[in-house]
Amino acid sequence: MWASICLLMDTGIRIDEMLKLKMEDVDIDTLILKVKGKGKKERLVPFSSEMRRVLFLFLKKKRP
C-alpha cells in the first residue's frame, strides 16, 4: 500500500493506470514507467531515484 501511494504521488499517474501496471512496464534501471492510459495510449513516465528505492524494497518483499 505504501509503495502504491508513493508511486501515485511521485509520478502523478491515475489510480487505474497504476492498477494496470505489470512488472515489464517498470524499468528500474532507467527510472521509467510504461503507462497505458485512456484510449489504450502508452506513455513513458519518469520516476525519482527515491521511488526506485521504494519499488526495489516492494519487489524484494513480493519476489524473494
N, C-alpha and C. Protein backbone atom coordinates (compact mmCIF):
# COMPACT_ATOMS: atom_id res chain seq x y z
N MET A 1 0.82 -1.19 0.00
CA MET A 1 0.00 0.00 0.00
C MET A 1 0.87 1.25 0.00
N TRP A 2 1.92 1.24 0.80
CA TRP A 2 2.81 2.40 0.88
C TRP A 2 3.46 2.67 -0.48
N ALA A 3 3.89 1.63 -1.15
CA ALA A 3 4.52 1.79 -2.47
C ALA A 3 3.53 2.37 -3.46
N SER A 4 2.28 1.97 -3.39
CA SER A 4 1.26 2.48 -4.30
C SER A 4 1.05 3.98 -4.10
N ILE A 5 0.93 4.39 -2.88
CA ILE A 5 0.72 5.81 -2.57
C ILE A 5 1.92 6.63 -3.02
N CYS A 6 3.11 6.12 -2.75
CA CYS A 6 4.33 6.83 -3.17
C CYS A 6 4.40 6.94 -4.69
N LEU A 7 4.04 5.88 -5.39
CA LEU A 7 4.08 5.89 -6.85
C LEU A 7 3.11 6.91 -7.42
N LEU A 8 1.90 6.95 -6.87
CA LEU A 8 0.91 7.93 -7.33
C LEU A 8 1.39 9.36 -7.11
N MET A 9 1.96 9.61 -5.94
CA MET A 9 2.43 10.96 -5.63
C MET A 9 3.66 11.34 -6.43
N ASP A 10 4.56 10.41 -6.65
CA ASP A 10 5.81 10.69 -7.33
C ASP A 10 5.62 10.93 -8.83
N THR A 11 4.71 10.17 -9.44
CA THR A 11 4.58 10.22 -10.89
C THR A 11 3.37 11.02 -11.38
N GLY A 12 2.32 11.08 -10.57
CA GLY A 12 1.12 11.79 -10.99
C GLY A 12 0.22 10.95 -11.89
N ILE A 13 0.47 9.65 -11.97
CA ILE A 13 -0.38 8.80 -12.80
C ILE A 13 -1.72 8.58 -12.10
N ARG A 14 -2.71 8.17 -12.87
CA ARG A 14 -4.04 7.90 -12.32
C ARG A 14 -4.05 6.54 -11.63
N ILE A 15 -5.00 6.34 -10.74
CA ILE A 15 -5.11 5.09 -10.00
C ILE A 15 -5.34 3.92 -10.95
N ASP A 16 -6.23 4.10 -11.93
CA ASP A 16 -6.49 2.99 -12.86
C ASP A 16 -5.27 2.67 -13.70
N GLU A 17 -4.44 3.67 -14.00
CA GLU A 17 -3.19 3.42 -14.73
C GLU A 17 -2.22 2.62 -13.88
N MET A 18 -2.16 2.94 -12.59
CA MET A 18 -1.28 2.21 -11.68
C MET A 18 -1.73 0.76 -11.54
N LEU A 19 -3.04 0.55 -11.48
CA LEU A 19 -3.56 -0.80 -11.31
C LEU A 19 -3.29 -1.68 -12.54
N LYS A 20 -3.12 -1.07 -13.70
CA LYS A 20 -2.84 -1.82 -14.93
C LYS A 20 -1.36 -2.11 -15.13
N LEU A 21 -0.50 -1.55 -14.29
CA LEU A 21 0.95 -1.76 -14.45
C LEU A 21 1.33 -3.22 -14.27
N LYS A 22 2.27 -3.66 -15.08
CA LYS A 22 2.82 -5.00 -14.96
C LYS A 22 4.31 -4.88 -14.69
N MET A 23 4.91 -5.97 -14.30
CA MET A 23 6.34 -5.96 -13.97
C MET A 23 7.18 -5.47 -15.14
N GLU A 24 6.81 -5.87 -16.37
CA GLU A 24 7.61 -5.48 -17.53
C GLU A 24 7.42 -4.01 -17.90
N ASP A 25 6.45 -3.32 -17.28
CA ASP A 25 6.24 -1.90 -17.53
C ASP A 25 7.13 -1.01 -16.66
N VAL A 26 7.80 -1.61 -15.69
CA VAL A 26 8.64 -0.85 -14.76
C VAL A 26 10.11 -1.11 -15.10
N ASP A 27 10.82 -0.04 -15.47
CA ASP A 27 12.26 -0.15 -15.76
C ASP A 27 13.02 0.57 -14.66
N ILE A 28 13.50 -0.19 -13.70
CA ILE A 28 14.18 0.38 -12.54
C ILE A 28 15.52 1.00 -12.93
N ASP A 29 16.16 0.48 -13.95
CA ASP A 29 17.47 1.00 -14.35
C ASP A 29 17.39 2.40 -14.95
N THR A 30 16.39 2.65 -15.81
CA THR A 30 16.28 3.95 -16.46
C THR A 30 15.27 4.88 -15.80
N LEU A 31 14.62 4.41 -14.71
CA LEU A 31 13.64 5.20 -13.96
C LEU A 31 12.45 5.61 -14.82
N ILE A 32 11.92 4.66 -15.59
CA ILE A 32 10.80 4.94 -16.50
C ILE A 32 9.70 3.91 -16.30
N LEU A 33 8.46 4.39 -16.28
CA LEU A 33 7.28 3.52 -16.29
C LEU A 33 6.63 3.61 -17.66
N LYS A 34 6.16 2.48 -18.19
CA LYS A 34 5.37 2.48 -19.41
C LYS A 34 3.91 2.37 -18.97
N VAL A 35 3.19 3.47 -19.10
CA VAL A 35 1.83 3.57 -18.59
C VAL A 35 0.84 3.51 -19.74
N LYS A 36 -0.19 2.68 -19.58
CA LYS A 36 -1.27 2.60 -20.55
C LYS A 36 -2.44 3.40 -20.01
N GLY A 37 -2.76 4.50 -20.69
CA GLY A 37 -3.79 5.40 -20.21
C GLY A 37 -5.09 5.27 -20.96
N LYS A 38 -5.81 6.37 -21.01
CA LYS A 38 -7.11 6.40 -21.67
C LYS A 38 -6.94 6.11 -23.16
N GLY A 39 -7.88 5.38 -23.71
CA GLY A 39 -7.82 5.05 -25.12
C GLY A 39 -6.69 4.10 -25.47
N LYS A 40 -6.18 3.39 -24.48
CA LYS A 40 -5.06 2.45 -24.64
C LYS A 40 -3.80 3.10 -25.21
N LYS A 41 -3.65 4.39 -24.96
CA LYS A 41 -2.44 5.09 -25.37
C LYS A 41 -1.34 4.79 -24.36
N GLU A 42 -0.14 4.58 -24.85
CA GLU A 42 1.01 4.34 -23.97
C GLU A 42 1.84 5.61 -23.87
N ARG A 43 2.35 5.85 -22.67
CA ARG A 43 3.28 6.97 -22.49
C ARG A 43 4.34 6.56 -21.49
N LEU A 44 5.49 7.19 -21.60
CA LEU A 44 6.59 6.92 -20.69
C LEU A 44 6.59 7.98 -19.60
N VAL A 45 6.61 7.52 -18.36
CA VAL A 45 6.55 8.42 -17.22
C VAL A 45 7.79 8.20 -16.36
N PRO A 46 8.57 9.25 -16.13
CA PRO A 46 9.76 9.10 -15.28
C PRO A 46 9.37 9.06 -13.80
N PHE A 47 10.21 8.41 -13.01
CA PHE A 47 10.04 8.44 -11.56
C PHE A 47 11.39 8.72 -10.91
N SER A 48 11.36 9.12 -9.65
CA SER A 48 12.56 9.58 -8.96
C SER A 48 13.41 8.42 -8.45
N SER A 49 14.64 8.75 -8.10
CA SER A 49 15.53 7.73 -7.54
C SER A 49 15.04 7.28 -6.16
N GLU A 50 14.36 8.16 -5.42
CA GLU A 50 13.77 7.76 -4.14
C GLU A 50 12.67 6.72 -4.37
N MET A 51 11.91 6.91 -5.44
CA MET A 51 10.86 5.96 -5.78
C MET A 51 11.47 4.63 -6.20
N ARG A 52 12.62 4.67 -6.81
CA ARG A 52 13.32 3.42 -7.17
C ARG A 52 13.60 2.60 -5.93
N ARG A 53 14.03 3.25 -4.85
CA ARG A 53 14.29 2.53 -3.61
C ARG A 53 13.02 1.89 -3.05
N VAL A 54 11.92 2.64 -3.08
CA VAL A 54 10.65 2.11 -2.59
C VAL A 54 10.22 0.91 -3.44
N LEU A 55 10.32 1.03 -4.77
CA LEU A 55 9.95 -0.07 -5.66
C LEU A 55 10.85 -1.28 -5.44
N PHE A 56 12.13 -1.03 -5.26
CA PHE A 56 13.07 -2.13 -5.04
C PHE A 56 12.70 -2.91 -3.78
N LEU A 57 12.40 -2.20 -2.70
CA LEU A 57 12.01 -2.85 -1.45
C LEU A 57 10.68 -3.61 -1.62
N PHE A 58 9.76 -3.00 -2.34
CA PHE A 58 8.47 -3.65 -2.60
C PHE A 58 8.66 -4.94 -3.40
N LEU A 59 9.47 -4.87 -4.45
CA LEU A 59 9.70 -6.05 -5.28
C LEU A 59 10.48 -7.13 -4.54
N LYS A 60 11.36 -6.70 -3.63
CA LYS A 60 12.13 -7.65 -2.84
C LYS A 60 11.21 -8.45 -1.92
N LYS A 61 10.21 -7.78 -1.35
CA LYS A 61 9.24 -8.47 -0.49
C LYS A 61 8.32 -9.36 -1.31
N LYS A 62 7.93 -8.88 -2.48
CA LYS A 62 6.99 -9.62 -3.31
C LYS A 62 7.63 -10.84 -3.95
N ARG A 63 8.88 -10.70 -4.37
CA ARG A 63 9.61 -11.82 -5.02
C ARG A 63 10.94 -12.03 -4.31
N PRO A 64 10.93 -12.83 -3.27
CA PRO A 64 12.18 -13.03 -2.51
C PRO A 64 13.22 -13.83 -3.29
